[in-house]
Amino acid sequence: MTTKTATKIPVTERALIARINRKLQREGEALKALRGGLARRDLGEFYVLGAEKNRIVKTHVSPETLGRELDALAPWEAVVESSAAVEAVSLGKPINHLASSSGSRRCPCSSTSCR
């Protein structure tokens, strides 16, 4: 029996953030990344800023989750690092092996070809 594995299309985090910001711009909001380490505990790595009053609307935002909620990231797409996507395509590896649901950038499978 042949099993068909779904190959995910790679989308870099930078491209996803641009897509999200185009969607949020209609509502007068923008996804921002925190640069400093002091406020990371309070705001998280990413937060949504309301442009009209320049105040924080959401904290501890996951770009992948928000992208899926806003339909900026399709079900057949996976967020990857740009270097990982290029390497996988050149090695012929399926992209879905590069993105894990736990948020780590390493391949979650146990295959020796993905190490």
Protein backbone atom coordinates (compact mmCIF):
# COMPACT_ATOMS: atom_id res chain seq x y z
CA MET A 1 0.00 0.00 0.00
CA THR A 2 1.31 3.42 -0.92
CA THR A 3 0.96 6.22 1.59
CA LYS A 4 0.83 9.75 0.38
CA THR A 5 2.54 12.32 2.60
CA ALA A 6 1.45 15.91 2.40
CA THR A 7 4.34 18.17 1.52
CA LYS A 8 4.06 21.62 3.02
CA ILE A 9 5.08 24.73 1.12
CA PRO A 10 7.74 26.73 3.01
CA VAL A 11 6.94 30.27 4.15
CA THR A 12 9.59 32.24 6.00
CA GLU A 13 8.67 33.98 9.24
CA ARG A 14 9.52 37.32 7.66
CA ALA A 15 7.11 36.67 4.76
CA LEU A 16 4.39 35.58 7.19
CA ILE A 17 4.79 38.74 9.27
CA ALA A 18 4.46 40.83 6.10
CA ARG A 19 1.27 38.96 5.16
CA ILE A 20 -0.15 39.42 8.67
CA ASN A 21 0.65 43.13 8.68
CA ARG A 22 -1.12 43.60 5.33
CA LYS A 23 -4.23 41.98 6.86
CA LEU A 24 -3.96 43.91 10.15
CA GLN A 25 -3.38 47.22 8.37
CA ARG A 26 -7.08 47.25 7.38
CA GLU A 27 -7.95 47.34 11.09
CA GLY A 28 -5.30 49.93 11.96
CA GLU A 29 -3.05 47.39 13.70
CA ALA A 30 0.42 45.91 13.15
CA LEU A 31 2.36 42.89 14.38
CA LYS A 32 5.60 43.94 16.03
CA ALA A 33 8.61 41.98 17.24
CA LEU A 34 10.13 42.85 20.59
CA ARG A 35 13.79 43.83 20.35
CA GLY A 36 14.78 44.18 23.98
CA GLY A 37 14.82 41.46 26.57
CA LEU A 38 13.35 43.30 29.56
CA ALA A 39 9.76 43.50 28.37
CA ARG A 40 9.75 40.01 26.81
CA ARG A 41 8.15 38.54 29.94
CA ASP A 42 5.26 41.02 29.77
CA LEU A 43 4.75 41.27 26.00
CA GLY A 44 6.19 38.08 24.55
CA GLU A 45 8.37 37.90 21.46
CA PHE A 46 5.60 39.35 19.27
CA TYR A 47 2.72 41.70 20.05
CA VAL A 48 -0.01 43.55 18.14
CA LEU A 49 0.09 47.33 18.24
CA GLY A 50 -2.96 49.49 17.53
CA ALA A 51 -1.70 52.27 15.28
CA GLU A 52 -4.53 54.73 15.93
CA LYS A 53 -3.82 55.23 19.63
CA ASN A 54 -0.36 53.61 19.61
CA ARG A 55 -1.27 51.11 22.30
CA ILE A 56 -0.72 47.38 22.68
CA VAL A 57 -3.76 45.35 21.64
CA LYS A 58 -2.48 41.76 22.11
CA THR A 59 0.56 40.29 23.83
CA HIS A 60 2.36 36.93 23.53
CA VAL A 61 1.28 36.51 19.91
CA SER A 62 2.41 33.52 17.86
CA PRO A 63 2.83 34.63 14.21
CA GLU A 64 1.89 31.16 12.95
CA THR A 65 -1.31 31.00 15.03
CA LEU A 66 -2.31 34.56 14.14
CA GLY A 67 -1.50 33.92 10.49
CA ARG A 68 -3.82 30.92 10.44
CA GLU A 69 -6.59 32.88 12.23
CA LEU A 70 -6.35 35.70 9.67
CA ASP A 71 -6.05 33.28 6.70
CA ALA A 72 -2.60 34.68 5.95
CA LEU A 73 -1.14 31.16 6.20
CA ALA A 74 -2.84 28.34 4.30
CA PRO A 75 -3.15 24.80 5.73
CA TRP A 76 -0.64 23.50 3.17
CA GLU A 77 2.03 26.04 4.22
CA ALA A 78 4.58 25.71 7.03
CA VAL A 79 6.68 28.41 8.68
CA VAL A 80 10.40 27.68 8.30
CA GLU A 81 13.69 29.50 8.52
CA SER A 82 14.79 30.64 5.09
CA SER A 83 18.06 28.71 5.25
CA ALA A 84 16.24 25.54 6.32
CA ALA A 85 13.80 25.80 3.41
CA VAL A 86 16.57 26.27 0.87
CA GLU A 87 18.53 23.35 2.31
CA ALA A 88 15.48 21.06 2.32
CA VAL A 89 14.57 21.85 -1.26
CA SER A 90 18.14 21.25 -2.41
CA LEU A 91 18.28 17.91 -0.55
CA GLY A 92 14.82 16.84 -1.69
CA LYS A 93 13.42 16.59 1.84
CA PRO A 94 9.73 17.19 2.52
CA ILE A 95 9.19 20.62 4.07
CA ASN A 96 6.74 19.29 6.66
CA HIS A 97 9.72 17.64 8.38
CA LEU A 98 11.21 21.07 9.11
CA ALA A 99 8.42 22.67 11.08
CA SER A 100 7.33 21.19 14.35
CA SER A 101 4.26 22.16 16.31
CA SER A 102 6.38 22.69 19.42
CA GLY A 103 7.94 25.80 17.90
CA SER A 104 11.45 24.41 17.61
CA ARG A 105 13.18 24.84 14.28
CA ARG A 106 14.61 21.30 14.20
CA CYS A 107 12.97 18.42 12.42
CA PRO A 108 10.73 16.50 14.83
CA CYS A 109 10.96 13.18 12.99
CA SER A 110 13.42 10.47 13.94
CA SER A 111 14.59 9.81 10.40
CA THR A 112 18.35 9.81 9.99
CA SER A 113 17.98 11.59 6.62
CA CYS A 114 16.59 14.68 8.36
CA ARG A 115 19.43 15.12 10.83
